[in-house]
Amino acid sequence: MLGKHVGSMQGATEVKALPSGYGMPKLETSAEGEGTLLGHPVQFMATYQAEMQPDGSFFGECPNSGVILSQAGAATYRATGAGHPTEDGGSKFRGAVYFASHSEAFSELNGKACVYSWDVDADGVASWEIHVVD
């Protein structure tokens, strides 16, 4: 069940093509921005890859290459998600994210599954909303 809202972030994305397999596009996205996590102002940065599936959707992974920085401490994260391009040239992904932190500010997320929405508009501006799963 969807639990409490723990994070909201916005930022810029940059996409580049990667070598693909079997004629299906594979993309790498770098993202960075700011927002809040557990009420603390944060900056985030991440690099993830997404590969097109035969039905036109994408499956993506951020293999422990996400970073959260804050005056309150730091955290890393890994995520997976599925999504699709939008008609206006953006994209929408939904998935799971797992945080790890030694910081008291973020350690309550250790060992917990979170779900997210990641929406990118046609200009490459992303919005990331995160909820803990109860």
C-alpha atoms as a PDB file:
ATOM      1  CA  MET A   1       0.000   0.000   0.000  1.00  0.00           C
ATOM      2  CA  LEU A   2       1.198   3.506  -0.802  1.00  0.00           C
ATOM      3  CA  GLY A   3       2.558   5.157   2.325  1.00  0.00           C
ATOM      4  CA  LYS A   4       3.639   8.642   3.278  1.00  0.00           C
ATOM      5  CA  HIS A   5       5.064  11.098   0.783  1.00  0.00           C
ATOM      6  CA  VAL A   6       8.785  11.443   1.610  1.00  0.00           C
ATOM      7  CA  GLY A   7      10.278  13.365  -1.289  1.00  0.00           C
ATOM      8  CA  SER A   8       9.668  15.843  -4.052  1.00  0.00           C
ATOM      9  CA  MET A   9      12.401  16.970  -6.438  1.00  0.00           C
ATOM     10  CA  GLN A  10      12.755  18.759  -9.754  1.00  0.00           C
ATOM     11  CA  GLY A  11      15.700  19.017 -12.097  1.00  0.00           C
ATOM     12  CA  ALA A  12      17.225  18.986 -15.536  1.00  0.00           C
ATOM     13  CA  THR A  13      17.913  15.893 -17.608  1.00  0.00           C
ATOM     14  CA  GLU A  14      20.319  15.179 -20.441  1.00  0.00           C
ATOM     15  CA  VAL A  15      19.878  12.141 -22.692  1.00  0.00           C
ATOM     16  CA  LYS A  16      22.386  10.386 -24.926  1.00  0.00           C
ATOM     17  CA  ALA A  17      22.183   7.279 -27.082  1.00  0.00           C
ATOM     18  CA  LEU A  18      24.064   4.122 -26.089  1.00  0.00           C
ATOM     19  CA  PRO A  19      25.006   1.100 -28.186  1.00  0.00           C
ATOM     20  CA  SER A  20      21.817  -0.885 -28.634  1.00  0.00           C
ATOM     21  CA  GLY A  21      21.095  -4.545 -28.979  1.00  0.00           C
ATOM     22  CA  TYR A  22      18.807  -6.198 -31.505  1.00  0.00           C
ATOM     23  CA  GLY A  23      17.593  -2.919 -32.985  1.00  0.00           C
ATOM     24  CA  MET A  24      16.021  -1.554 -29.790  1.00  0.00           C
ATOM     25  CA  PRO A  25      17.171   1.909 -28.649  1.00  0.00           C
ATOM     26  CA  LYS A  26      19.080   2.194 -25.389  1.00  0.00           C
ATOM     27  CA  LEU A  27      19.420   5.585 -23.698  1.00  0.00           C
ATOM     28  CA  GLU A  28      21.442   6.995 -20.834  1.00  0.00           C
ATOM     29  CA  THR A  29      20.003   9.871 -18.842  1.00  0.00           C
ATOM     30  CA  SER A  30      21.867  12.093 -16.426  1.00  0.00           C
ATOM     31  CA  ALA A  31      19.733  14.138 -14.066  1.00  0.00           C
ATOM     32  CA  GLU A  32      20.419  16.686 -11.372  1.00  0.00           C
ATOM     33  CA  GLY A  33      18.289  19.048  -9.388  1.00  0.00           C
ATOM     34  CA  GLU A  34      16.939  19.913  -5.976  1.00  0.00           C
ATOM     35  CA  GLY A  35      13.982  19.466  -3.703  1.00  0.00           C
ATOM     36  CA  THR A  36      13.220  17.877  -0.360  1.00  0.00           C
ATOM     37  CA  LEU A  37      13.639  14.413   1.133  1.00  0.00           C
ATOM     38  CA  LEU A  38      12.096  13.727   4.556  1.00  0.00           C
ATOM     39  CA  GLY A  39      11.653  17.477   4.942  1.00  0.00           C
ATOM     40  CA  HIS A  40      15.323  18.318   4.333  1.00  0.00           C
ATOM     41  CA  PRO A  41      16.432  20.497   1.399  1.00  0.00           C
ATOM     42  CA  VAL A  42      18.543  18.319  -0.909  1.00  0.00           C
ATOM     43  CA  GLN A  43      20.372  18.226  -4.194  1.00  0.00           C
ATOM     44  CA  PHE A  44      20.229  15.039  -6.250  1.00  0.00           C
ATOM     45  CA  MET A  45      22.157  13.621  -9.164  1.00  0.00           C
ATOM     46  CA  ALA A  46      21.872  10.318 -10.977  1.00  0.00           C
ATOM     47  CA  THR A  47      22.706   8.444 -14.140  1.00  0.00           C
ATOM     48  CA  TYR A  48      20.368   5.760 -15.388  1.00  0.00           C
ATOM     49  CA  GLN A  49      19.867   3.664 -18.493  1.00  0.00           C
ATOM     50  CA  ALA A  50      16.628   2.695 -20.190  1.00  0.00           C
ATOM     51  CA  GLU A  51      16.112   0.239 -23.026  1.00  0.00           C
ATOM     52  CA  MET A  52      13.100   0.146 -25.326  1.00  0.00           C
ATOM     53  CA  GLN A  53      10.999  -3.008 -25.132  1.00  0.00           C
ATOM     54  CA  PRO A  54       9.274  -4.630 -28.152  1.00  0.00           C
ATOM     55  CA  ASP A  55       5.957  -2.932 -27.258  1.00  0.00           C
ATOM     56  CA  GLY A  56       7.550   0.551 -27.321  1.00  0.00           C
ATOM     57  CA  SER A  57       7.747   0.959 -23.548  1.00  0.00           C
ATOM     58  CA  PHE A  58      11.057   1.373 -21.708  1.00  0.00           C
ATOM     59  CA  PHE A  59      12.615  -0.473 -18.775  1.00  0.00           C
ATOM     60  CA  GLY A  60      15.222   1.515 -16.866  1.00  0.00           C
ATOM     61  CA  GLU A  61      17.725   1.068 -14.074  1.00  0.00           C
ATOM     62  CA  CYS A  62      19.767   3.359 -11.854  1.00  0.00           C
ATOM     63  CA  PRO A  63      22.244   0.782 -10.491  1.00  0.00           C
ATOM     64  CA  ASN A  64      23.287   2.473  -7.231  1.00  0.00           C
ATOM     65  CA  SER A  65      24.353   5.568  -9.164  1.00  0.00           C
ATOM     66  CA  GLY A  66      22.013   8.040  -7.486  1.00  0.00           C
ATOM     67  CA  VAL A  67      23.294  10.541  -4.928  1.00  0.00           C
ATOM     68  CA  ILE A  68      21.485  12.794  -2.441  1.00  0.00           C
ATOM     69  CA  LEU A  69      23.453  15.659  -0.861  1.00  0.00           C
ATOM     70  CA  SER A  70      22.236  17.888   1.955  1.00  0.00           C
ATOM     71  CA  GLN A  71      23.457  19.922   4.911  1.00  0.00           C
ATOM     72  CA  ALA A  72      21.771  17.148   6.944  1.00  0.00           C
ATOM     73  CA  GLY A  73      23.874  14.383   5.365  1.00  0.00           C
ATOM     74  CA  ALA A  74      24.106  12.231   2.271  1.00  0.00           C
ATOM     75  CA  ALA A  75      22.416   9.159   0.816  1.00  0.00           C
ATOM     76  CA  THR A  76      22.736   6.954  -2.237  1.00  0.00           C
ATOM     77  CA  TYR A  77      19.980   5.165  -4.100  1.00  0.00           C
ATOM     78  CA  ARG A  78      19.239   2.507  -6.668  1.00  0.00           C
ATOM     79  CA  ALA A  79      16.067   2.341  -8.722  1.00  0.00           C
ATOM     80  CA  THR A  80      14.245   0.442 -11.439  1.00  0.00           C
ATOM     81  CA  GLY A  81      11.258   1.550 -13.437  1.00  0.00           C
ATOM     82  CA  ALA A  82       9.072   1.134 -16.474  1.00  0.00           C
ATOM     83  CA  GLY A  83       7.776   3.940 -18.605  1.00  0.00           C
ATOM     84  CA  HIS A  84       6.928   5.336 -21.976  1.00  0.00           C
ATOM     85  CA  PRO A  85       7.388   8.438 -24.108  1.00  0.00           C
ATOM     86  CA  THR A  86       4.618  11.030 -23.926  1.00  0.00           C
ATOM     87  CA  GLU A  87       2.889  12.619 -26.904  1.00  0.00           C
ATOM     88  CA  ASP A  88       4.498  15.989 -26.150  1.00  0.00           C
ATOM     89  CA  GLY A  89       8.063  14.604 -26.353  1.00  0.00           C
ATOM     90  CA  GLY A  90       8.642  13.892 -22.678  1.00  0.00           C
ATOM     91  CA  SER A  91       8.467  10.641 -20.741  1.00  0.00           C
ATOM     92  CA  LYS A  92       6.804   9.059 -17.701  1.00  0.00           C
ATOM     93  CA  PHE A  93       8.326   6.359 -15.518  1.00  0.00           C
ATOM     94  CA  ARG A  94       6.986   4.563 -12.450  1.00  0.00           C
ATOM     95  CA  GLY A  95       9.051   2.263 -10.289  1.00  0.00           C
ATOM     96  CA  ALA A  96      10.806   1.417  -7.049  1.00  0.00           C
ATOM     97  CA  VAL A  97      13.721   3.177  -5.362  1.00  0.00           C
ATOM     98  CA  TYR A  98      15.844   2.041  -2.420  1.00  0.00           C
ATOM     99  CA  PHE A  99      17.899   4.485  -0.337  1.00  0.00           C
ATOM    100  CA  ALA A 100      20.970   3.857   1.828  1.00  0.00           C
ATOM    101  CA  SER A 101      22.375   6.390   4.283  1.00  0.00           C
ATOM    102  CA  HIS A 102      24.532   6.658   7.392  1.00  0.00           C
ATOM    103  CA  SER A 103      22.974  10.066   8.038  1.00  0.00           C
ATOM    104  CA  GLU A 104      20.449  10.305  10.847  1.00  0.00           C
ATOM    105  CA  ALA A 105      18.367  12.562   8.600  1.00  0.00           C
ATOM    106  CA  PHE A 106      17.810   9.871   5.958  1.00  0.00           C
ATOM    107  CA  SER A 107      18.490   6.547   7.718  1.00  0.00           C
ATOM    108  CA  GLU A 108      14.783   5.909   8.336  1.00  0.00           C
ATOM    109  CA  LEU A 109      14.616   5.001   4.621  1.00  0.00           C
ATOM    110  CA  ASN A 110      17.238   2.240   4.997  1.00  0.00           C
ATOM    111  CA  GLY A 111      15.716  -1.160   4.309  1.00  0.00           C
ATOM    112  CA  LYS A 112      12.457   0.295   3.005  1.00  0.00           C
ATOM    113  CA  ALA A 113      10.936   0.129  -0.446  1.00  0.00           C
ATOM    114  CA  CYS A 114       9.774   3.395  -1.933  1.00  0.00           C
ATOM    115  CA  VAL A 115       7.763   3.926  -5.091  1.00  0.00           C
ATOM    116  CA  TYR A 116       8.123   6.892  -7.369  1.00  0.00           C
ATOM    117  CA  SER A 117       6.769   8.807 -10.296  1.00  0.00           C
ATOM    118  CA  TRP A 118       9.330  10.388 -12.629  1.00  0.00           C
ATOM    119  CA  ASP A 119       7.828  12.727 -15.210  1.00  0.00           C
ATOM    120  CA  VAL A 120       9.942  14.577 -17.760  1.00  0.00           C
ATOM    121  CA  ASP A 121       8.506  17.308 -19.964  1.00  0.00           C
ATOM    122  CA  ALA A 122       9.467  18.012 -23.583  1.00  0.00           C
ATOM    123  CA  ASP A 123      12.145  20.476 -22.409  1.00  0.00           C
ATOM    124  CA  GLY A 124      13.891  17.846 -20.280  1.00  0.00           C
ATOM    125  CA  VAL A 125      12.669  19.161 -16.922  1.00  0.00           C
ATOM    126  CA  ALA A 126      11.937  16.290 -14.539  1.00  0.00           C
ATOM    127  CA  SER A 127       9.639  16.008 -11.530  1.00  0.00           C
ATOM    128  CA  TRP A 128      10.281  13.189  -9.022  1.00  0.00           C
ATOM    129  CA  GLU A 129       7.721  12.243  -6.339  1.00  0.00           C
ATOM    130  CA  ILE A 130       8.579   9.541  -3.790  1.00  0.00           C
ATOM    131  CA  HIS A 131       6.393   7.576  -1.331  1.00  0.00           C
ATOM    132  CA  VAL A 132       7.348   4.887   1.196  1.00  0.00           C
ATOM    133  CA  VAL A 133       5.513   1.590   0.772  1.00  0.00           C
ATOM    134  CA  ASP A 134       3.768   0.452   3.971  1.00  0.00           C
END
